[in-house]
Amino acid sequence: MSENEEYKPLPEYLSIGPSDIHGAGIFTTEDIPKGIDIGISHIYDPNFQHDWIRTPLGGFINHSETPNCELIDDEDSDYKRIRTTCKIVQNKELTLKYSLYPICNYLKKK
């Protein structure tokens, strides 16, 4: 993220709502095209438990075996971002394929 880029917990076209998958989830308020970087999901901090702080985007996106988003893992960055892998229509839940235990091994900073 550049110095001039303003951090927003969620883009204006997303909201948090009740999920049929688990508790609450991230939903679209409008159609989102494939390949859109929707924002930061994790911030690296070696002083934090498990080295990563989840943002609202990372904390509320639910798991799916057939996800419509993917984790962008730039090894030169202290951020993890999420990108859409297909067009997601309005009012659909965003999902990501991930594993929680052991705690997000795929997020380990290299």
N, C-alpha and C. Protein backbone atom coordinates (compact mmCIF):
# COMPACT_ATOMS: atom_id res chain seq x y z
N MET A 1 0.85 -1.16 0.00
CA MET A 1 0.00 0.00 0.00
C MET A 1 0.91 1.23 0.00
N SER A 2 0.64 2.16 -0.88
CA SER A 2 1.45 3.36 -0.97
C SER A 2 1.08 4.33 0.15
N GLU A 3 1.97 5.30 0.39
CA GLU A 3 1.73 6.29 1.43
C GLU A 3 0.45 7.09 1.18
N ASN A 4 0.11 7.30 -0.08
CA ASN A 4 -1.05 8.12 -0.43
C ASN A 4 -2.35 7.32 -0.50
N GLU A 5 -2.26 6.01 -0.42
CA GLU A 5 -3.46 5.18 -0.52
C GLU A 5 -4.15 5.14 0.83
N GLU A 6 -5.41 5.55 0.87
CA GLU A 6 -6.18 5.57 2.10
C GLU A 6 -6.71 4.18 2.41
N TYR A 7 -6.50 3.73 3.65
CA TYR A 7 -7.01 2.43 4.07
C TYR A 7 -8.50 2.55 4.37
N LYS A 8 -9.27 1.62 3.83
CA LYS A 8 -10.70 1.53 4.13
C LYS A 8 -10.96 0.11 4.60
N PRO A 9 -11.66 -0.07 5.72
CA PRO A 9 -11.92 -1.43 6.22
C PRO A 9 -12.62 -2.31 5.17
N LEU A 10 -13.58 -1.73 4.45
CA LEU A 10 -14.27 -2.43 3.36
C LEU A 10 -14.54 -1.43 2.25
N PRO A 11 -14.39 -1.87 1.00
CA PRO A 11 -14.77 -0.98 -0.10
C PRO A 11 -16.27 -0.67 -0.01
N GLU A 12 -16.70 0.41 -0.65
CA GLU A 12 -18.10 0.83 -0.60
C GLU A 12 -19.05 -0.20 -1.19
N TYR A 13 -18.56 -1.08 -2.07
CA TYR A 13 -19.40 -2.07 -2.73
C TYR A 13 -19.49 -3.39 -1.97
N LEU A 14 -19.01 -3.41 -0.71
CA LEU A 14 -19.11 -4.60 0.14
C LEU A 14 -19.76 -4.24 1.47
N SER A 15 -20.41 -5.24 2.08
CA SER A 15 -20.98 -5.04 3.41
C SER A 15 -20.90 -6.36 4.18
N ILE A 16 -21.04 -6.26 5.49
CA ILE A 16 -21.04 -7.43 6.36
C ILE A 16 -22.50 -7.76 6.67
N GLY A 17 -22.85 -9.05 6.56
CA GLY A 17 -24.21 -9.46 6.84
C GLY A 17 -24.28 -10.91 7.27
N PRO A 18 -25.48 -11.38 7.65
CA PRO A 18 -25.66 -12.77 8.07
C PRO A 18 -25.31 -13.74 6.94
N SER A 19 -24.57 -14.79 7.30
CA SER A 19 -24.11 -15.76 6.31
C SER A 19 -24.75 -17.13 6.52
N ASP A 20 -25.08 -17.79 5.43
CA ASP A 20 -25.54 -19.18 5.50
C ASP A 20 -24.37 -20.13 5.72
N ILE A 21 -23.16 -19.65 5.50
CA ILE A 21 -21.96 -20.49 5.67
C ILE A 21 -21.56 -20.55 7.13
N HIS A 22 -21.39 -19.35 7.75
CA HIS A 22 -20.96 -19.31 9.15
C HIS A 22 -21.12 -17.89 9.70
N GLY A 23 -21.99 -17.70 10.65
CA GLY A 23 -22.12 -16.41 11.34
C GLY A 23 -22.37 -15.25 10.40
N ALA A 24 -21.36 -14.39 10.27
CA ALA A 24 -21.43 -13.22 9.39
C ALA A 24 -20.45 -13.41 8.24
N GLY A 25 -20.71 -12.73 7.13
CA GLY A 25 -19.85 -12.83 5.96
C GLY A 25 -19.78 -11.50 5.23
N ILE A 26 -18.99 -11.47 4.17
CA ILE A 26 -18.83 -10.29 3.32
C ILE A 26 -19.71 -10.47 2.09
N PHE A 27 -20.54 -9.47 1.79
CA PHE A 27 -21.47 -9.54 0.67
C PHE A 27 -21.29 -8.34 -0.26
N THR A 28 -21.62 -8.55 -1.53
CA THR A 28 -21.54 -7.47 -2.51
C THR A 28 -22.80 -6.62 -2.44
N THR A 29 -22.66 -5.34 -2.68
CA THR A 29 -23.81 -4.45 -2.79
C THR A 29 -24.04 -4.07 -4.25
N GLU A 30 -23.14 -4.54 -5.12
CA GLU A 30 -23.25 -4.35 -6.57
C GLU A 30 -22.42 -5.44 -7.24
N ASP A 31 -22.58 -5.62 -8.54
CA ASP A 31 -21.78 -6.60 -9.27
C ASP A 31 -20.30 -6.21 -9.21
N ILE A 32 -19.43 -7.21 -9.06
CA ILE A 32 -17.98 -6.98 -9.05
C ILE A 32 -17.36 -7.84 -10.15
N PRO A 33 -16.58 -7.26 -11.05
CA PRO A 33 -15.95 -8.04 -12.11
C PRO A 33 -14.86 -8.98 -11.60
N LYS A 34 -14.50 -9.94 -12.42
CA LYS A 34 -13.37 -10.83 -12.15
C LYS A 34 -12.08 -10.01 -12.13
N GLY A 35 -11.15 -10.40 -11.25
CA GLY A 35 -9.83 -9.79 -11.22
C GLY A 35 -9.71 -8.50 -10.43
N ILE A 36 -10.72 -8.16 -9.63
CA ILE A 36 -10.69 -6.93 -8.85
C ILE A 36 -10.00 -7.19 -7.51
N ASP A 37 -9.01 -6.36 -7.18
CA ASP A 37 -8.34 -6.40 -5.88
C ASP A 37 -9.27 -5.68 -4.92
N ILE A 38 -9.88 -6.43 -4.00
CA ILE A 38 -10.88 -5.81 -3.13
C ILE A 38 -10.31 -5.25 -1.84
N GLY A 39 -9.04 -5.55 -1.54
CA GLY A 39 -8.44 -4.90 -0.38
C GLY A 39 -7.55 -5.79 0.46
N ILE A 40 -7.08 -5.20 1.55
CA ILE A 40 -6.14 -5.85 2.47
C ILE A 40 -6.90 -6.76 3.43
N SER A 41 -6.43 -8.00 3.54
CA SER A 41 -7.06 -8.96 4.45
C SER A 41 -6.21 -9.23 5.69
N HIS A 42 -4.88 -9.10 5.57
CA HIS A 42 -3.97 -9.38 6.67
C HIS A 42 -2.80 -8.40 6.63
N ILE A 43 -2.32 -8.04 7.82
CA ILE A 43 -1.16 -7.17 7.95
C ILE A 43 -0.14 -7.89 8.82
N TYR A 44 1.09 -7.99 8.31
CA TYR A 44 2.14 -8.69 9.05
C TYR A 44 2.62 -7.86 10.22
N ASP A 45 2.70 -8.49 11.40
CA ASP A 45 3.23 -7.86 12.59
C ASP A 45 3.83 -8.96 13.47
N PRO A 46 5.16 -9.06 13.52
CA PRO A 46 5.79 -10.15 14.28
C PRO A 46 5.50 -10.08 15.77
N ASN A 47 4.98 -8.95 16.26
CA ASN A 47 4.65 -8.82 17.68
C ASN A 47 3.23 -9.28 17.99
N PHE A 48 2.48 -9.64 16.97
CA PHE A 48 1.10 -10.05 17.14
C PHE A 48 1.01 -11.57 17.16
N GLN A 49 0.03 -12.12 17.86
CA GLN A 49 -0.15 -13.57 17.91
C GLN A 49 -0.24 -14.13 16.50
N HIS A 50 0.54 -15.12 16.18
CA HIS A 50 0.62 -15.79 14.88
C HIS A 50 1.13 -14.87 13.77
N ASP A 51 1.67 -13.71 14.10
CA ASP A 51 2.35 -12.78 13.19
C ASP A 51 1.44 -12.01 12.24
N TRP A 52 0.15 -12.25 12.24
CA TRP A 52 -0.73 -11.58 11.28
C TRP A 52 -1.95 -11.00 11.99
N ILE A 53 -2.29 -9.77 11.60
CA ILE A 53 -3.50 -9.11 12.08
C ILE A 53 -4.52 -9.19 10.94
N ARG A 54 -5.70 -9.70 11.23
CA ARG A 54 -6.76 -9.75 10.21
C ARG A 54 -7.54 -8.45 10.22
N THR A 55 -7.79 -7.91 9.05
CA THR A 55 -8.63 -6.73 8.90
C THR A 55 -10.10 -7.19 8.90
N PRO A 56 -11.06 -6.28 8.86
CA PRO A 56 -12.46 -6.72 8.73
C PRO A 56 -12.67 -7.61 7.50
N LEU A 57 -12.00 -7.30 6.40
CA LEU A 57 -12.12 -8.13 5.20
C LEU A 57 -11.61 -9.55 5.48
N GLY A 58 -10.46 -9.66 6.10
CA GLY A 58 -9.89 -10.98 6.42
C GLY A 58 -10.63 -11.70 7.53
N GLY A 59 -11.24 -10.95 8.42
CA GLY A 59 -11.94 -11.55 9.55
C GLY A 59 -13.33 -12.05 9.25
N PHE A 60 -13.97 -11.48 8.23
CA PHE A 60 -15.35 -11.85 7.94
C PHE A 60 -15.54 -12.66 6.66
N ILE A 61 -14.50 -12.80 5.83
CA ILE A 61 -14.67 -13.60 4.63
C ILE A 61 -14.69 -15.07 5.03
N ASN A 62 -15.65 -15.82 4.53
CA ASN A 62 -15.83 -17.21 4.91
C ASN A 62 -15.18 -18.17 3.92
N HIS A 63 -14.91 -19.37 4.41
CA HIS A 63 -14.28 -20.43 3.63
C HIS A 63 -15.29 -21.11 2.70
N SER A 64 -14.79 -21.51 1.53
CA SER A 64 -15.57 -22.33 0.61
C SER A 64 -14.60 -23.22 -0.17
N GLU A 65 -15.02 -24.43 -0.46
CA GLU A 65 -14.23 -25.31 -1.32
C GLU A 65 -14.33 -24.87 -2.78
N THR A 66 -15.30 -24.04 -3.10
CA THR A 66 -15.44 -23.45 -4.44
C THR A 66 -15.50 -21.93 -4.29
N PRO A 67 -14.36 -21.31 -3.95
CA PRO A 67 -14.35 -19.88 -3.64
C PRO A 67 -14.51 -19.01 -4.88
N ASN A 68 -14.91 -17.76 -4.65
CA ASN A 68 -14.98 -16.78 -5.73
C ASN A 68 -13.91 -15.70 -5.59
N CYS A 69 -13.00 -15.89 -4.62
CA CYS A 69 -11.88 -14.97 -4.40
C CYS A 69 -10.62 -15.77 -4.11
N GLU A 70 -9.46 -15.10 -4.22
CA GLU A 70 -8.19 -15.73 -3.90
C GLU A 70 -7.33 -14.77 -3.11
N LEU A 71 -6.39 -15.34 -2.34
CA LEU A 71 -5.45 -14.55 -1.58
C LEU A 71 -4.30 -14.14 -2.49
N ILE A 72 -3.96 -12.86 -2.49
CA ILE A 72 -2.80 -12.37 -3.23
C ILE A 72 -1.64 -12.36 -2.25
N ASP A 73 -0.64 -13.17 -2.53
CA ASP A 73 0.49 -13.34 -1.63
C ASP A 73 1.75 -12.75 -2.26
N ASP A 74 1.98 -11.47 -2.00
CA ASP A 74 3.17 -10.79 -2.49
C ASP A 74 4.24 -10.90 -1.42
N GLU A 75 5.27 -11.71 -1.67
CA GLU A 75 6.30 -11.97 -0.65
C GLU A 75 7.08 -10.71 -0.27
N ASP A 76 7.03 -9.67 -1.09
CA ASP A 76 7.76 -8.43 -0.80
C ASP A 76 6.91 -7.43 -0.02
N SER A 77 5.74 -7.84 0.42
CA SER A 77 4.82 -6.93 1.10
C SER A 77 4.47 -7.46 2.48
N ASP A 78 4.14 -6.55 3.37
CA ASP A 78 3.65 -6.92 4.70
C ASP A 78 2.14 -7.02 4.73
N TYR A 79 1.52 -7.06 3.54
CA TYR A 79 0.07 -7.15 3.43
C TYR A 79 -0.32 -8.36 2.60
N LYS A 80 -1.46 -8.93 2.92
CA LYS A 80 -2.11 -9.93 2.08
C LYS A 80 -3.39 -9.27 1.57
N ARG A 81 -3.69 -9.50 0.31
CA ARG A 81 -4.85 -8.87 -0.31
C ARG A 81 -5.75 -9.96 -0.88
N ILE A 82 -6.99 -9.60 -1.16
CA ILE A 82 -7.95 -10.54 -1.74
C ILE A 82 -8.39 -10.01 -3.09
N ARG A 83 -8.48 -10.94 -4.08
CA ARG A 83 -8.88 -10.59 -5.44
C ARG A 83 -10.00 -11.54 -5.88
N THR A 84 -10.94 -11.02 -6.64
CA THR A 84 -12.03 -11.85 -7.17
C THR A 84 -11.49 -12.75 -8.28
N THR A 85 -11.99 -13.98 -8.34
CA THR A 85 -11.57 -14.94 -9.38
C THR A 85 -12.63 -15.14 -10.44
N CYS A 86 -13.78 -14.51 -10.25
CA CYS A 86 -14.87 -14.57 -11.22
C CYS A 86 -15.76 -13.36 -10.98
N LYS A 87 -16.69 -13.12 -11.88
CA LYS A 87 -17.66 -12.05 -11.65
C LYS A 87 -18.54 -12.48 -10.47
N ILE A 88 -18.78 -11.56 -9.55
CA ILE A 88 -19.62 -11.84 -8.40
C ILE A 88 -20.80 -10.88 -8.47
N VAL A 89 -22.00 -11.43 -8.54
CA VAL A 89 -23.19 -10.60 -8.70
C VAL A 89 -23.63 -10.01 -7.36
N GLN A 90 -24.41 -8.95 -7.46
CA GLN A 90 -24.91 -8.23 -6.30
C GLN A 90 -25.59 -9.19 -5.31
N ASN A 91 -25.35 -8.95 -4.03
CA ASN A 91 -25.93 -9.68 -2.89
C ASN A 91 -25.35 -11.08 -2.69
N LYS A 92 -24.27 -11.44 -3.39
CA LYS A 92 -23.62 -12.74 -3.20
C LYS A 92 -22.52 -12.60 -2.16
N GLU A 93 -22.27 -13.69 -1.44
CA GLU A 93 -21.21 -13.71 -0.43
C GLU A 93 -19.86 -13.97 -1.08
N LEU A 94 -18.85 -13.23 -0.65
CA LEU A 94 -17.48 -13.49 -1.08
C LEU A 94 -16.93 -14.64 -0.26
N THR A 95 -16.18 -15.52 -0.90
CA THR A 95 -15.59 -16.66 -0.20
C THR A 95 -14.14 -16.85 -0.63
N LEU A 96 -13.41 -17.53 0.23
CA LEU A 96 -11.99 -17.79 0.02
C LEU A 96 -11.69 -19.19 0.52
N LYS A 97 -10.84 -19.91 -0.16
CA LYS A 97 -10.44 -21.23 0.33
C LYS A 97 -9.25 -21.04 1.25
N TYR A 98 -9.42 -21.38 2.52
CA TYR A 98 -8.34 -21.23 3.49
C TYR A 98 -8.45 -22.27 4.58
N SER A 99 -7.44 -22.31 5.41
CA SER A 99 -7.38 -23.24 6.53
C SER A 99 -7.07 -22.45 7.78
N LEU A 100 -7.77 -22.72 8.86
CA LEU A 100 -7.52 -21.99 10.10
C LEU A 100 -6.53 -22.69 11.03
N TYR A 101 -6.51 -24.01 11.04
CA TYR A 101 -5.67 -24.72 12.01
C TYR A 101 -4.87 -25.80 11.30
N PRO A 102 -3.53 -25.84 11.46
CA PRO A 102 -2.77 -24.87 12.24
C PRO A 102 -2.89 -23.48 11.63
N ILE A 103 -2.77 -22.49 12.45
CA ILE A 103 -3.10 -21.12 12.07
C ILE A 103 -2.42 -20.72 10.76
N CYS A 104 -3.22 -20.63 9.74
CA CYS A 104 -2.87 -20.06 8.44
C CYS A 104 -1.42 -20.22 8.03
N ASN A 105 -0.93 -21.46 7.92
CA ASN A 105 0.44 -21.67 7.51
C ASN A 105 0.76 -20.99 6.19
N TYR A 106 -0.20 -20.86 5.31
CA TYR A 106 0.04 -20.23 4.02
C TYR A 106 0.34 -18.74 4.16
N LEU A 107 0.08 -18.18 5.33
CA LEU A 107 0.34 -16.75 5.53
C LEU A 107 1.73 -16.48 6.09
N LYS A 108 2.46 -17.52 6.48
CA LYS A 108 3.75 -17.31 7.12
C LYS A 108 4.66 -16.47 6.24
N LYS A 109 5.24 -15.45 6.82
CA LYS A 109 6.15 -14.57 6.08
C LYS A 109 7.44 -15.33 5.81
N LYS A 110 7.91 -15.22 4.58
CA LYS A 110 9.10 -15.96 4.19
C LYS A 110 10.33 -15.12 4.35
